[in-house]
């Protein structure tokens, strides 16, 4: 769900750019979409939290269920550092 929100925000930003370009081309006053940028900036910490949490739980399950010898120490360290 968080990825869907992020995708919709990115799509909205792109659409706002297209609208501003078209408004400029026809000489209309450009609309202010700065609030959209603010929303993206405010959403970013939550997006990072949920993605990190999802990654951690997916990897943690594999770490606990797989054999010790099959663990990839570089992957484990990278996941730990990123989360």
Protein backbone atom coordinates (compact mmCIF):
# COMPACT_ATOMS: atom_id res chain seq x y z
CA UNK A 1 0.00 0.00 0.00
CA UNK A 2 2.81 2.41 0.82
CA UNK A 3 4.37 1.74 -2.57
CA UNK A 4 1.04 2.57 -4.21
CA UNK A 5 0.88 5.91 -2.41
CA UNK A 6 4.46 6.66 -3.43
CA UNK A 7 3.68 5.79 -7.05
CA UNK A 8 0.57 7.98 -7.03
CA UNK A 9 2.53 10.90 -5.60
CA UNK A 10 5.22 10.51 -8.26
CA UNK A 11 2.56 10.31 -10.95
CA UNK A 12 0.87 13.44 -9.58
CA UNK A 13 4.13 15.36 -9.66
CA UNK A 14 4.69 14.40 -13.27
CA UNK A 15 1.14 15.40 -14.20
CA UNK A 16 1.58 18.75 -12.44
CA UNK A 17 4.73 19.39 -14.49
CA UNK A 18 2.86 18.64 -17.69
CA UNK A 19 0.04 20.98 -16.67
CA UNK A 20 2.49 23.76 -15.87
CA UNK A 21 4.22 23.31 -19.23
CA UNK A 22 0.92 23.51 -21.05
CA UNK A 23 -0.21 26.53 -19.05
CA UNK A 24 3.08 28.25 -19.91
CA UNK A 25 2.70 27.45 -23.61
CA UNK A 26 -0.76 29.01 -23.83
CA UNK A 27 0.15 31.99 -21.66
CA UNK A 28 -2.03 31.13 -18.67
CA UNK A 29 -1.00 31.78 -15.11
CA UNK A 30 0.86 28.78 -13.71
CA UNK A 31 -0.85 26.94 -10.88
CA UNK A 32 1.05 26.41 -7.67
CA UNK A 33 1.69 22.71 -7.03
CA UNK A 34 4.23 23.27 -4.26
CA UNK A 35 1.91 21.63 -1.75
CA UNK A 36 2.35 18.39 -3.67
CA UNK A 37 6.13 18.61 -3.22
CA UNK A 38 5.58 19.23 0.49
CA UNK A 39 3.41 16.13 0.71
CA UNK A 40 6.12 14.03 -0.92
CA UNK A 41 8.74 15.40 1.46
CA UNK A 42 6.57 14.77 4.52
CA UNK A 43 5.68 11.25 3.35
CA UNK A 44 9.30 10.21 2.76
CA UNK A 45 10.16 9.23 6.38
CA UNK A 46 7.06 7.02 6.58
CA UNK A 47 7.87 5.45 3.24
CA UNK A 48 11.41 4.68 4.40
CA UNK A 49 10.15 3.25 7.69
CA UNK A 50 7.64 0.92 6.06
CA UNK A 51 10.04 -0.25 3.38
CA UNK A 52 12.74 -0.92 5.96
CA UNK A 53 10.30 -2.76 8.20
CA UNK A 54 9.03 -4.90 5.32
CA UNK A 55 12.57 -5.74 4.22
CA UNK A 56 13.61 -6.58 7.77
CA UNK A 57 10.69 -8.94 8.37
CA UNK A 58 11.12 -10.68 5.01
CA UNK A 59 14.84 -11.19 5.56
CA UNK A 60 14.42 -12.08 9.24
CA UNK A 61 12.07 -14.91 8.36
CA UNK A 62 14.61 -16.31 5.88
CA UNK A 63 17.44 -15.92 8.39
CA UNK A 64 15.55 -17.85 11.04
CA UNK A 65 14.25 -20.63 8.81
CA UNK A 66 17.20 -21.36 6.52
CA UNK A 67 20.29 -23.32 7.41
CA UNK A 68 23.18 -21.42 8.95
CA UNK A 69 25.49 -22.36 6.09
CA UNK A 70 23.13 -20.91 3.48
CA UNK A 71 23.20 -17.41 4.97
CA UNK A 72 24.93 -14.73 2.95
CA UNK A 73 26.91 -12.59 5.40
CA UNK A 74 27.24 -9.66 2.96
CA UNK A 75 23.49 -9.62 2.38
CA UNK A 76 22.83 -9.83 6.11
CA UNK A 77 25.21 -6.96 6.85
CA UNK A 78 23.81 -4.81 4.04
CA UNK A 79 20.25 -5.38 5.23
CA UNK A 80 21.20 -4.61 8.81
CA UNK A 81 22.97 -1.37 7.83
CA UNK A 82 20.14 -0.23 5.54
CA UNK A 83 17.38 -0.95 8.02
